C-alpha atoms as a PDB file:
ATOM      1  CA  MET A   1      -0.226  -0.351  -0.042  1.00  0.00           C
ATOM      2  CA  GLU A   2       2.377   2.400   1.286  1.00  0.00           C
ATOM      3  CA  LYS A   3       4.840   1.690  -2.171  1.00  0.00           C
ATOM      4  CA  SER A   4       1.801   2.324  -4.549  1.00  0.00           C
ATOM      5  CA  VAL A   5       1.346   5.751  -2.785  1.00  0.00           C
ATOM      6  CA  MET A   6       4.743   6.517  -3.127  1.00  0.00           C
ATOM      7  CA  GLU A   7       4.969   5.082  -6.768  1.00  0.00           C
ATOM      8  CA  ASP A   8       1.625   7.417  -7.135  1.00  0.00           C
ATOM      9  CA  ALA A   9       3.230  10.358  -5.621  1.00  0.00           C
ATOM     10  CA  ARG A  10       6.100  10.191  -8.115  1.00  0.00           C
ATOM     11  CA  ASN A  11       4.126   9.794 -11.612  1.00  0.00           C
ATOM     12  CA  GLN A  12       2.238  12.968 -10.138  1.00  0.00           C
ATOM     13  CA  THR A  13       5.696  14.766 -10.045  1.00  0.00           C
ATOM     14  CA  GLU A  14       7.442  13.740 -13.035  1.00  0.00           C
ATOM     15  CA  VAL A  15       7.718  15.980 -15.806  1.00  0.00           C
ATOM     16  CA  GLN A  16       5.376  15.318 -18.866  1.00  0.00           C
ATOM     17  CA  GLU A  17       6.481  18.046 -20.898  1.00  0.00           C
ATOM     18  CA  PHE A  18       9.462  20.584 -20.569  1.00  0.00           C
ATOM     19  CA  THR A  19       9.458  24.151 -21.306  1.00  0.00           C
ATOM     20  CA  LEU A  20      12.048  26.322 -23.952  1.00  0.00           C
ATOM     21  CA  GLU A  21      12.779  29.569 -22.202  1.00  0.00           C
ATOM     22  CA  GLY A  22      14.691  31.071 -25.215  1.00  0.00           C
ATOM     23  CA  PHE A  23      16.571  34.305 -24.941  1.00  0.00           C
ATOM     24  CA  PRO A  24      14.284  35.919 -22.080  1.00  0.00           C
ATOM     25  CA  SER A  25      16.613  39.215 -22.020  1.00  0.00           C
ATOM     26  CA  VAL A  26      16.209  39.894 -25.207  1.00  0.00           C
ATOM     27  CA  GLN A  27      12.358  38.792 -25.827  1.00  0.00           C
ATOM     28  CA  HIS A  28      11.414  42.648 -26.122  1.00  0.00           C
ATOM     29  CA  LEU A  29      13.127  42.438 -29.413  1.00  0.00           C
ATOM     30  CA  GLY A  30      10.931  38.912 -30.147  1.00  0.00           C
ATOM     31  CA  LYS A  31      10.034  40.354 -33.540  1.00  0.00           C
ATOM     32  CA  VAL A  32      12.886  41.661 -34.916  1.00  0.00           C
ATOM     33  CA  LEU A  33      14.898  38.645 -34.379  1.00  0.00           C
ATOM     34  CA  PHE A  34      12.074  36.604 -35.537  1.00  0.00           C
ATOM     35  CA  LEU A  35      12.297  38.479 -39.131  1.00  0.00           C
ATOM     36  CA  VAL A  36      16.230  38.174 -38.768  1.00  0.00           C
ATOM     37  CA  HIS A  37      16.006  34.493 -38.432  1.00  0.00           C
ATOM     38  CA  LEU A  38      13.626  33.932 -40.648  1.00  0.00           C
ATOM     39  CA  LEU A  39      15.317  35.356 -43.111  1.00  0.00           C
ATOM     40  CA  ALA A  40      18.190  33.762 -42.331  1.00  0.00           C
ATOM     41  CA  TYR A  41      16.724  30.181 -42.296  1.00  0.00           C
ATOM     42  CA  LEU A  42      15.091  30.505 -45.592  1.00  0.00           C
ATOM     43  CA  ALA A  43      18.003  31.725 -46.742  1.00  0.00           C
ATOM     44  CA  SER A  44      20.074  28.392 -45.943  1.00  0.00           C
ATOM     45  CA  ILE A  45      16.965  26.677 -47.318  1.00  0.00           C
ATOM     46  CA  MET A  46      17.002  27.795 -50.468  1.00  0.00           C
ATOM     47  CA  GLY A  47      21.016  27.973 -50.469  1.00  0.00           C
ATOM     48  CA  ASN A  48      21.567  24.674 -50.195  1.00  0.00           C
ATOM     49  CA  ILE A  49      18.389  23.476 -52.243  1.00  0.00           C
ATOM     50  CA  LEU A  50      19.415  25.128 -54.777  1.00  0.00           C
ATOM     51  CA  ILE A  51      23.156  23.254 -54.594  1.00  0.00           C
ATOM     52  CA  ILE A  52      21.315  19.876 -54.668  1.00  0.00           C
ATOM     53  CA  THR A  53      19.141  21.015 -57.941  1.00  0.00           C
ATOM     54  CA  ILE A  54      22.298  21.870 -59.508  1.00  0.00           C
ATOM     55  CA  THR A  55      24.122  19.441 -58.424  1.00  0.00           C
ATOM     56  CA  TRP A  56      21.703  16.496 -59.806  1.00  0.00           C
ATOM     57  CA  ALA A  57      20.799  18.388 -62.642  1.00  0.00           C
ATOM     58  CA  ASP A  58      24.097  19.076 -64.300  1.00  0.00           C
ATOM     59  CA  HIS A  59      26.142  16.518 -65.323  1.00  0.00           C
ATOM     60  CA  HIS A  60      29.560  18.018 -65.209  1.00  0.00           C
ATOM     61  CA  LEU A  61      28.328  18.404 -61.257  1.00  0.00           C
ATOM     62  CA  GLN A  62      28.236  14.604 -60.424  1.00  0.00           C
ATOM     63  CA  THR A  63      31.407  14.195 -59.026  1.00  0.00           C
ATOM     64  CA  PRO A  64      32.555  12.549 -55.852  1.00  0.00           C
ATOM     65  CA  MET A  65      33.128  16.083 -53.999  1.00  0.00           C
ATOM     66  CA  TYR A  66      29.841  17.863 -55.408  1.00  0.00           C
ATOM     67  CA  PHE A  67      28.134  14.359 -53.939  1.00  0.00           C
ATOM     68  CA  PHE A  68      29.257  14.618 -50.816  1.00  0.00           C
ATOM     69  CA  LEU A  69      28.624  18.699 -50.818  1.00  0.00           C
ATOM     70  CA  SER A  70      24.828  18.128 -52.299  1.00  0.00           C
ATOM     71  CA  SER A  71      24.193  15.076 -49.355  1.00  0.00           C
ATOM     72  CA  PHE A  72      25.977  17.629 -47.052  1.00  0.00           C
ATOM     73  CA  SER A  73      23.501  20.560 -48.038  1.00  0.00           C
ATOM     74  CA  PHE A  74      20.730  18.080 -47.443  1.00  0.00           C
ATOM     75  CA  PHE A  75      21.624  16.861 -43.987  1.00  0.00           C
ATOM     76  CA  GLU A  76      22.258  20.816 -42.919  1.00  0.00           C
ATOM     77  CA  CYS A  77      18.457  21.544 -44.427  1.00  0.00           C
ATOM     78  CA  CYS A  78      17.246  19.173 -42.246  1.00  0.00           C
ATOM     79  CA  PHE A  79      19.696  19.676 -39.039  1.00  0.00           C
ATOM     80  CA  ILE A  80      18.684  23.329 -39.025  1.00  0.00           C
ATOM     81  CA  THR A  81      14.735  22.554 -39.639  1.00  0.00           C
ATOM     82  CA  THR A  82      15.055  20.242 -36.144  1.00  0.00           C
ATOM     83  CA  VAL A  83      15.768  23.202 -34.102  1.00  0.00           C
ATOM     84  CA  ILE A  84      15.124  26.951 -35.689  1.00  0.00           C
ATOM     85  CA  PRO A  85      11.118  26.694 -36.056  1.00  0.00           C
ATOM     86  CA  LYS A  86      10.922  26.432 -32.329  1.00  0.00           C
ATOM     87  CA  LEU A  87      13.190  28.995 -31.836  1.00  0.00           C
ATOM     88  CA  LEU A  88      11.082  31.169 -34.263  1.00  0.00           C
ATOM     89  CA  ALA A  89       8.118  30.736 -32.460  1.00  0.00           C
ATOM     90  CA  ILE A  90       9.739  31.363 -29.106  1.00  0.00           C
ATOM     91  CA  PHE A  91      11.093  35.029 -30.823  1.00  0.00           C
ATOM     92  CA  LEU A  92       6.989  35.601 -31.744  1.00  0.00           C
ATOM     93  CA  SER A  93       5.312  34.155 -28.369  1.00  0.00           C
ATOM     94  CA  GLY A  94       7.708  33.567 -25.985  1.00  0.00           C
ATOM     95  CA  ARG A  95       8.130  30.609 -24.307  1.00  0.00           C
ATOM     96  CA  GLN A  96       6.974  27.079 -26.237  1.00  0.00           C
ATOM     97  CA  SER A  97       6.300  24.209 -24.595  1.00  0.00           C
ATOM     98  CA  ILE A  98       7.766  20.648 -25.785  1.00  0.00           C
ATOM     99  CA  SER A  99       6.186  17.075 -24.735  1.00  0.00           C
ATOM    100  CA  PHE A 100       9.016  14.599 -23.510  1.00  0.00           C
ATOM    101  CA  ALA A 101       8.716  12.580 -26.676  1.00  0.00           C
ATOM    102  CA  ALA A 102       9.022  15.479 -28.604  1.00  0.00           C
ATOM    103  CA  CYS A 103      12.376  16.653 -27.084  1.00  0.00           C
ATOM    104  CA  PHE A 104      14.459  13.811 -26.657  1.00  0.00           C
ATOM    105  CA  THR A 105      13.539  13.118 -30.224  1.00  0.00           C
ATOM    106  CA  GLN A 106      14.609  16.348 -31.234  1.00  0.00           C
ATOM    107  CA  ALA A 107      17.791  15.938 -28.846  1.00  0.00           C
ATOM    108  CA  PHE A 108      18.661  12.460 -31.082  1.00  0.00           C
ATOM    109  CA  VAL A 109      17.869  14.121 -34.159  1.00  0.00           C
ATOM    110  CA  PHE A 110      19.672  16.850 -33.872  1.00  0.00           C
ATOM    111  CA  HIS A 111      22.932  15.510 -32.494  1.00  0.00           C
ATOM    112  CA  PHE A 112      22.654  12.399 -35.071  1.00  0.00           C
ATOM    113  CA  LEU A 113      22.708  15.222 -37.773  1.00  0.00           C
ATOM    114  CA  GLY A 114      25.293  17.391 -35.889  1.00  0.00           C
ATOM    115  CA  THR A 115      27.306  14.474 -35.614  1.00  0.00           C
ATOM    116  CA  THR A 116      26.820  12.891 -39.127  1.00  0.00           C
ATOM    117  CA  VAL A 117      27.841  16.432 -40.711  1.00  0.00           C
ATOM    118  CA  PHE A 118      31.284  16.750 -38.967  1.00  0.00           C
ATOM    119  CA  PHE A 119      32.208  12.640 -40.205  1.00  0.00           C
ATOM    120  CA  LEU A 120      30.762  13.905 -43.105  1.00  0.00           C
ATOM    121  CA  MET A 121      33.119  17.026 -43.555  1.00  0.00           C
ATOM    122  CA  ALA A 122      36.376  14.523 -43.171  1.00  0.00           C
ATOM    123  CA  VAL A 123      35.013  12.830 -45.650  1.00  0.00           C
ATOM    124  CA  LEU A 124      35.199  15.687 -47.900  1.00  0.00           C
ATOM    125  CA  SER A 125      38.672  16.259 -46.803  1.00  0.00           C
ATOM    126  CA  LEU A 126      39.777  12.896 -47.600  1.00  0.00           C
ATOM    127  CA  ASP A 127      38.243  13.483 -50.816  1.00  0.00           C
ATOM    128  CA  ARG A 128      40.135  16.734 -51.755  1.00  0.00           C
ATOM    129  CA  TYR A 129      43.551  14.884 -50.470  1.00  0.00           C
ATOM    130  CA  LEU A 130      42.719  12.300 -53.317  1.00  0.00           C
ATOM    131  CA  ALA A 131      41.866  14.526 -55.871  1.00  0.00           C
ATOM    132  CA  ILE A 132      44.891  16.779 -55.319  1.00  0.00           C
ATOM    133  CA  CYS A 133      47.247  14.451 -53.749  1.00  0.00           C
ATOM    134  CA  LYS A 134      46.996  11.306 -55.717  1.00  0.00           C
ATOM    135  CA  PRO A 135      45.239  12.514 -59.117  1.00  0.00           C
ATOM    136  CA  LEU A 136      45.930   9.376 -60.761  1.00  0.00           C
ATOM    137  CA  TYR A 137      44.667   6.938 -57.779  1.00  0.00           C
ATOM    138  CA  TYR A 138      41.509   9.318 -57.528  1.00  0.00           C
ATOM    139  CA  PRO A 139      38.857   7.852 -60.273  1.00  0.00           C
ATOM    140  CA  THR A 140      39.559   4.002 -59.045  1.00  0.00           C
ATOM    141  CA  ILE A 141      39.510   5.072 -55.434  1.00  0.00           C
ATOM    142  CA  MET A 142      36.737   7.565 -55.111  1.00  0.00           C
ATOM    143  CA  ASN A 143      34.323   5.165 -57.305  1.00  0.00           C
ATOM    144  CA  PRO A 144      30.067   5.736 -56.863  1.00  0.00           C
ATOM    145  CA  ARG A 145      30.254   2.294 -54.630  1.00  0.00           C
ATOM    146  CA  MET A 146      32.736   3.770 -52.307  1.00  0.00           C
ATOM    147  CA  CYS A 147      31.046   7.096 -51.924  1.00  0.00           C
ATOM    148  CA  PHE A 148      27.697   5.233 -51.065  1.00  0.00           C
ATOM    149  CA  LEU A 149      29.811   3.178 -48.596  1.00  0.00           C
ATOM    150  CA  LEU A 150      31.398   6.019 -46.997  1.00  0.00           C
ATOM    151  CA  LEU A 151      28.115   8.274 -46.735  1.00  0.00           C
ATOM    152  CA  THR A 152      26.136   5.191 -45.582  1.00  0.00           C
ATOM    153  CA  ALA A 153      29.216   4.884 -42.759  1.00  0.00           C
ATOM    154  CA  CYS A 154      28.742   8.678 -41.556  1.00  0.00           C
ATOM    155  CA  LEU A 155      25.348   8.087 -40.850  1.00  0.00           C
ATOM    156  CA  ALA A 156      25.902   4.506 -39.427  1.00  0.00           C
ATOM    157  CA  LEU A 157      28.464   6.505 -37.153  1.00  0.00           C
ATOM    158  CA  GLY A 158      25.868   9.313 -36.344  1.00  0.00           C
ATOM    159  CA  PHE A 159      23.153   6.589 -35.017  1.00  0.00           C
ATOM    160  CA  VAL A 160      25.055   4.645 -33.222  1.00  0.00           C
ATOM    161  CA  LEU A 161      27.131   7.582 -31.215  1.00  0.00           C
ATOM    162  CA  MET A 162      24.190   9.586 -30.251  1.00  0.00           C
ATOM    163  CA  VAL A 163      21.700   6.614 -30.002  1.00  0.00           C
ATOM    164  CA  VAL A 164      23.222   5.411 -26.711  1.00  0.00           C
ATOM    165  CA  PRO A 165      23.293   8.536 -24.204  1.00  0.00           C
ATOM    166  CA  ILE A 166      20.097  10.142 -25.705  1.00  0.00           C
ATOM    167  CA  ILE A 167      18.135   6.825 -24.402  1.00  0.00           C
ATOM    168  CA  ILE A 168      20.200   6.461 -21.155  1.00  0.00           C
ATOM    169  CA  LEU A 169      19.231  10.469 -20.308  1.00  0.00           C
ATOM    170  CA  SER A 170      15.773   9.323 -20.864  1.00  0.00           C
ATOM    171  CA  GLN A 171      15.399   6.492 -18.777  1.00  0.00           C
ATOM    172  CA  SER A 172      16.569   9.357 -16.715  1.00  0.00           C
ATOM    173  CA  SER A 173      14.203  10.449 -13.497  1.00  0.00           C
ATOM    174  CA  PHE A 174      12.581  14.496 -14.061  1.00  0.00           C
ATOM    175  CA  CYS A 175      10.624  15.458 -11.140  1.00  0.00           C
ATOM    176  CA  GLY A 176      11.818  18.823 -10.239  1.00  0.00           C
ATOM    177  CA  PRO A 177      11.806  22.096 -12.916  1.00  0.00           C
ATOM    178  CA  HIS A 178      11.117  21.657 -16.242  1.00  0.00           C
ATOM    179  CA  VAL A 179      12.121  25.049 -17.907  1.00  0.00           C
ATOM    180  CA  ILE A 180      15.228  24.402 -20.378  1.00  0.00           C
ATOM    181  CA  PRO A 181      17.454  27.288 -20.306  1.00  0.00           C
ATOM    182  CA  HIS A 182      18.057  26.994 -24.470  1.00  0.00           C
ATOM    183  CA  PHE A 183      16.017  27.198 -27.257  1.00  0.00           C
ATOM    184  CA  PHE A 184      16.320  23.524 -28.000  1.00  0.00           C
ATOM    185  CA  CYS A 185      16.241  20.191 -26.417  1.00  0.00           C
ATOM    186  CA  ASP A 186      20.046  20.071 -26.008  1.00  0.00           C
ATOM    187  CA  PHE A 187      22.372  17.269 -23.919  1.00  0.00           C
ATOM    188  CA  GLY A 188      23.549  19.848 -21.066  1.00  0.00           C
ATOM    189  CA  PRO A 189      20.098  21.627 -20.302  1.00  0.00           C
ATOM    190  CA  LEU A 190      18.563  17.929 -20.052  1.00  0.00           C
ATOM    191  CA  ILE A 191      21.166  16.753 -17.673  1.00  0.00           C
ATOM    192  CA  HIS A 192      20.585  19.555 -15.634  1.00  0.00           C
ATOM    193  CA  LEU A 193      16.988  19.122 -14.990  1.00  0.00           C
ATOM    194  CA  SER A 194      17.356  15.086 -14.284  1.00  0.00           C
ATOM    195  CA  CYS A 195      16.992  14.175 -10.943  1.00  0.00           C
ATOM    196  CA  SER A 196      19.133  11.214 -11.519  1.00  0.00           C
ATOM    197  CA  ASP A 197      22.533  10.648 -10.566  1.00  0.00           C
ATOM    198  CA  THR A 198      23.881  11.560 -14.340  1.00  0.00           C
ATOM    199  CA  ARG A 199      27.414  11.414 -13.742  1.00  0.00           C
ATOM    200  CA  SER A 200      28.194   8.553 -15.544  1.00  0.00           C
ATOM    201  CA  THR A 201      25.776   9.919 -18.728  1.00  0.00           C
ATOM    202  CA  GLU A 202      27.887  13.496 -18.239  1.00  0.00           C
ATOM    203  CA  MET A 203      30.985  11.392 -19.138  1.00  0.00           C
ATOM    204  CA  LEU A 204      29.570   9.022 -21.890  1.00  0.00           C
ATOM    205  CA  ALA A 205      28.528  12.690 -23.452  1.00  0.00           C
ATOM    206  CA  PHE A 206      32.045  14.208 -22.602  1.00  0.00           C
ATOM    207  CA  VAL A 207      33.893  11.146 -24.115  1.00  0.00           C
ATOM    208  CA  LEU A 208      31.532  10.748 -27.426  1.00  0.00           C
ATOM    209  CA  ALA A 209      31.848  14.096 -28.434  1.00  0.00           C
ATOM    210  CA  LEU A 210      35.637  14.431 -27.695  1.00  0.00           C
ATOM    211  CA  PHE A 211      36.010  11.300 -30.372  1.00  0.00           C
ATOM    212  CA  VAL A 212      33.583  12.840 -32.883  1.00  0.00           C
ATOM    213  CA  LEU A 213      35.040  16.203 -32.629  1.00  0.00           C
ATOM    214  CA  LEU A 214      39.057  15.095 -32.838  1.00  0.00           C
ATOM    215  CA  THR A 215      38.450  12.113 -34.914  1.00  0.00           C
ATOM    216  CA  SER A 216      37.094  14.687 -37.782  1.00  0.00           C
ATOM    217  CA  LEU A 217      39.247  17.473 -36.805  1.00  0.00           C
ATOM    218  CA  ILE A 218      42.483  15.164 -36.350  1.00  0.00           C
ATOM    219  CA  ILE A 219      41.654  13.643 -40.277  1.00  0.00           C
ATOM    220  CA  THR A 220      40.839  16.865 -41.739  1.00  0.00           C
ATOM    221  CA  ILE A 221      43.905  18.716 -40.315  1.00  0.00           C
ATOM    222  CA  ILE A 222      46.472  15.528 -41.623  1.00  0.00           C
ATOM    223  CA  ALA A 223      44.429  15.821 -45.073  1.00  0.00           C
ATOM    224  CA  TYR A 224      44.522  19.583 -45.287  1.00  0.00           C
ATOM    225  CA  SER A 225      48.501  19.383 -44.757  1.00  0.00           C
ATOM    226  CA  ASN A 226      49.209  17.211 -46.970  1.00  0.00           C
ATOM    227  CA  ILE A 227      47.169  18.823 -49.789  1.00  0.00           C
ATOM    228  CA  VAL A 228      49.248  22.325 -48.422  1.00  0.00           C
ATOM    229  CA  VAL A 229      52.188  20.482 -49.414  1.00  0.00           C
ATOM    230  CA  THR A 230      51.158  19.373 -52.045  1.00  0.00           C
ATOM    231  CA  ILE A 231      50.297  22.362 -53.981  1.00  0.00           C
ATOM    232  CA  VAL A 232      53.046  24.160 -52.626  1.00  0.00           C
ATOM    233  CA  GLY A 233      55.457  21.638 -54.538  1.00  0.00           C
ATOM    234  CA  LEU A 234      53.386  22.351 -58.187  1.00  0.00           C
ATOM    235  CA  PRO A 235      55.270  23.910 -60.342  1.00  0.00           C
ATOM    236  CA  SER A 236      53.078  26.490 -61.829  1.00  0.00           C
ATOM    237  CA  ALA A 237      51.122  29.576 -60.186  1.00  0.00           C
ATOM    238  CA  LYS A 238      48.100  28.906 -61.598  1.00  0.00           C
ATOM    239  CA  GLU A 239      47.529  25.423 -60.887  1.00  0.00           C
ATOM    240  CA  LYS A 240      48.730  26.286 -56.958  1.00  0.00           C
ATOM    241  CA  GLN A 241      45.737  28.890 -57.773  1.00  0.00           C
ATOM    242  CA  LYS A 242      43.199  26.295 -58.703  1.00  0.00           C
ATOM    243  CA  ALA A 243      44.207  23.898 -56.251  1.00  0.00           C
ATOM    244  CA  PHE A 244      43.812  26.127 -53.308  1.00  0.00           C
ATOM    245  CA  SER A 245      40.834  27.409 -54.666  1.00  0.00           C
ATOM    246  CA  THR A 246      38.926  24.061 -54.278  1.00  0.00           C
ATOM    247  CA  CYS A 247      39.990  23.597 -50.341  1.00  0.00           C
ATOM    248  CA  SER A 248      40.369  27.719 -49.092  1.00  0.00           C
ATOM    249  CA  SER A 249      36.265  27.811 -49.325  1.00  0.00           C
ATOM    250  CA  HIS A 250      36.059  24.341 -47.312  1.00  0.00           C
ATOM    251  CA  LEU A 251      38.824  25.776 -44.357  1.00  0.00           C
ATOM    252  CA  ILE A 252      36.964  29.236 -44.016  1.00  0.00           C
ATOM    253  CA  VAL A 253      33.915  27.399 -42.281  1.00  0.00           C
ATOM    254  CA  LEU A 254      36.108  24.622 -39.944  1.00  0.00           C
ATOM    255  CA  PRO A 255      37.292  27.431 -36.832  1.00  0.00           C
ATOM    256  CA  LEU A 256      33.596  28.353 -36.635  1.00  0.00           C
ATOM    257  CA  MET A 257      32.065  24.570 -36.058  1.00  0.00           C
ATOM    258  CA  TYR A 258      34.907  23.130 -34.082  1.00  0.00           C
ATOM    259  CA  GLY A 259      35.228  26.295 -32.387  1.00  0.00           C
ATOM    260  CA  SER A 260      31.814  26.533 -30.989  1.00  0.00           C
ATOM    261  CA  CYS A 261      31.049  22.652 -30.636  1.00  0.00           C
ATOM    262  CA  ILE A 262      34.296  22.417 -28.781  1.00  0.00           C
ATOM    263  CA  PHE A 263      33.005  25.474 -26.403  1.00  0.00           C
ATOM    264  CA  ILE A 264      29.643  23.514 -26.060  1.00  0.00           C
ATOM    265  CA  TYR A 265      30.281  20.055 -25.355  1.00  0.00           C
ATOM    266  CA  VAL A 266      33.781  18.987 -24.838  1.00  0.00           C
ATOM    267  CA  LYS A 267      33.683  19.381 -20.857  1.00  0.00           C
ATOM    268  CA  PRO A 268      33.593  16.340 -18.366  1.00  0.00           C
ATOM    269  CA  LYS A 269      30.496  18.670 -16.676  1.00  0.00           C
ATOM    270  CA  GLN A 270      28.114  19.215 -19.089  1.00  0.00           C
ATOM    271  CA  THR A 271      25.647  21.552 -16.651  1.00  0.00           C
ATOM    272  CA  ASN A 272      28.461  24.492 -17.292  1.00  0.00           C
ATOM    273  CA  ARG A 273      28.051  27.396 -19.238  1.00  0.00           C
ATOM    274  CA  LEU A 274      24.214  27.013 -19.899  1.00  0.00           C
ATOM    275  CA  ASP A 275      23.920  30.351 -20.555  1.00  0.00           C
ATOM    276  CA  SER A 276      26.471  30.978 -22.739  1.00  0.00           C
ATOM    277  CA  ASN A 277      25.618  28.098 -24.582  1.00  0.00           C
ATOM    278  CA  ARG A 278      22.486  29.290 -25.873  1.00  0.00           C
ATOM    279  CA  GLU A 279      24.719  32.191 -27.641  1.00  0.00           C
ATOM    280  CA  ALA A 280      27.218  29.662 -29.184  1.00  0.00           C
ATOM    281  CA  ALA A 281      24.466  27.318 -30.199  1.00  0.00           C
ATOM    282  CA  LEU A 282      23.391  29.981 -32.646  1.00  0.00           C
ATOM    283  CA  VAL A 283      26.836  29.926 -34.459  1.00  0.00           C
ATOM    284  CA  ASN A 284      26.167  26.430 -35.648  1.00  0.00           C
ATOM    285  CA  THR A 285      22.187  27.058 -35.937  1.00  0.00           C
ATOM    286  CA  VAL A 286      22.125  30.123 -37.715  1.00  0.00           C
ATOM    287  CA  VAL A 287      25.552  31.554 -38.860  1.00  0.00           C
ATOM    288  CA  THR A 288      27.507  28.582 -40.368  1.00  0.00           C
ATOM    289  CA  PRO A 289      23.995  26.884 -42.515  1.00  0.00           C
ATOM    290  CA  LEU A 290      23.712  30.373 -43.879  1.00  0.00           C
ATOM    291  CA  LEU A 291      27.775  30.653 -44.604  1.00  0.00           C
ATOM    292  CA  ASN A 292      28.036  26.944 -45.688  1.00  0.00           C
ATOM    293  CA  PRO A 293      25.979  27.382 -49.225  1.00  0.00           C
ATOM    294  CA  VAL A 294      27.998  30.343 -50.052  1.00  0.00           C
ATOM    295  CA  ILE A 295      31.578  28.923 -48.602  1.00  0.00           C
ATOM    296  CA  TYR A 296      31.391  25.780 -49.740  1.00  0.00           C
ATOM    297  CA  THR A 297      29.401  25.887 -53.372  1.00  0.00           C
ATOM    298  CA  LEU A 298      28.453  28.826 -54.838  1.00  0.00           C
ATOM    299  CA  ARG A 299      31.547  30.877 -54.910  1.00  0.00           C
ATOM    300  CA  ASN A 300      33.063  28.083 -57.000  1.00  0.00           C
ATOM    301  CA  LYS A 301      33.429  28.640 -60.716  1.00  0.00           C
ATOM    302  CA  GLN A 302      32.325  25.331 -61.775  1.00  0.00           C
ATOM    303  CA  VAL A 303      29.281  25.632 -60.110  1.00  0.00           C
ATOM    304  CA  HIS A 304      28.408  29.662 -61.627  1.00  0.00           C
ATOM    305  CA  GLN A 305      28.938  27.991 -65.018  1.00  0.00           C
ATOM    306  CA  ALA A 306      26.138  25.829 -63.823  1.00  0.00           C
ATOM    307  CA  LEU A 307      23.949  28.369 -63.161  1.00  0.00           C
ATOM    308  CA  ARG A 308      24.819  30.292 -66.085  1.00  0.00           C
ATOM    309  CA  ASP A 309      23.996  26.977 -68.121  1.00  0.00           C
ATOM    310  CA  ALA A 310      21.099  26.843 -66.231  1.00  0.00           C
ATOM    311  CA  LEU A 311      19.510  30.021 -66.638  1.00  0.00           C
ATOM    312  CA  SER A 312      20.137  29.839 -70.748  1.00  0.00           C
ATOM    313  CA  ARG A 313      18.013  26.730 -70.422  1.00  0.00           C
ATOM    314  CA  VAL A 314      15.729  28.392 -68.552  1.00  0.00           C
ATOM    315  CA  ARG A 315      15.569  31.812 -71.304  1.00  0.00           C
ATOM    316  CA  LEU A 316      15.590  29.732 -74.237  1.00  0.00           C
ATOM    317  CA  ILE A 317      12.492  27.588 -72.852  1.00  0.00           C
ATOM    318  CA  GLN A 318      10.808  31.172 -72.533  1.00  0.00           C
ATOM    319  CA  GLN A 319      11.512  31.816 -75.604  1.00  0.00           C
ATOM    320  CA  ILE A 320      10.616  28.706 -77.761  1.00  0.00           C
ATOM    321  CA  LEU A 321       7.115  29.193 -75.753  1.00  0.00           C
ATOM    322  CA  MET A 322       6.663  32.744 -76.630  1.00  0.00           C
ATOM    323  CA  ASN A 323       7.524  32.322 -80.683  1.00  0.00           C
ATOM    324  CA  SER A 324       4.636  28.902 -80.261  1.00  0.00           C
ATOM    325  CA  LEU A 325       2.397  31.564 -78.770  1.00  0.00           C
ATOM    326  CA  ILE A 326       3.109  33.954 -81.450  1.00  0.00           C
END
């Protein structure tokens, strides 16, 4: 009888939904921030969709590098769509409620896609290393089957590494405060709200974050270090410029992505710096997704040519339709 009463009391206090706090200190600027972030979100989505469309429509861009870049753009669209709609709702209407199941689903999808993107960036650096440093072997190694296997490996690693800590944390007890000091369900704030002993979960999250970020970063640094050595050894200035232009854009975004994620996740105590984590998270969810379409692809000469060809075809079709109407 006593046990039954205790279980009933626990069920009554168990959190059924969370409240996303957002940015209460700037809520008076909500409508302005809503407009700014909405425009940034739409620009990111349209830029990435444009990259995907051009890559699959133009046969000149159906190469391993653009296969990985179009995959990167697709995952980026999914990644920001996981959190930005809620952020926009917070700016427009204030705090937003989210159910327990939806919160942990959001947390898993966000971290799964984020991890996949980091491994995909490492694959992109390997692709550039093979293309520039091993050009004779490149077509043989980076065949369609290998490209598909590498993409599948990125997805599989992202899923396996993120599903375990999210499941463990979801089994924790949440019986106290239900306000998440963030604009989405991130790992640190959820650990902060748990009533259970989460020290082992925090350590697991720290180790996994360290593994994901350092592994992909080390692969990227080694690949680009070899690329720089190869470029310096090229005989012609034109060849050097061409080789460097394919890699320089990739290097611009690395400090932003890795810097913000290392600041947020690479710490043994996940509940540290929760307030500043919100601002840092905006870098990965708003700033870099806005810059990536421009940095990675739209400033590329091949893409410019593909866009010009597409516009020429559209004008030609319009002219044919106009002539047929006349």
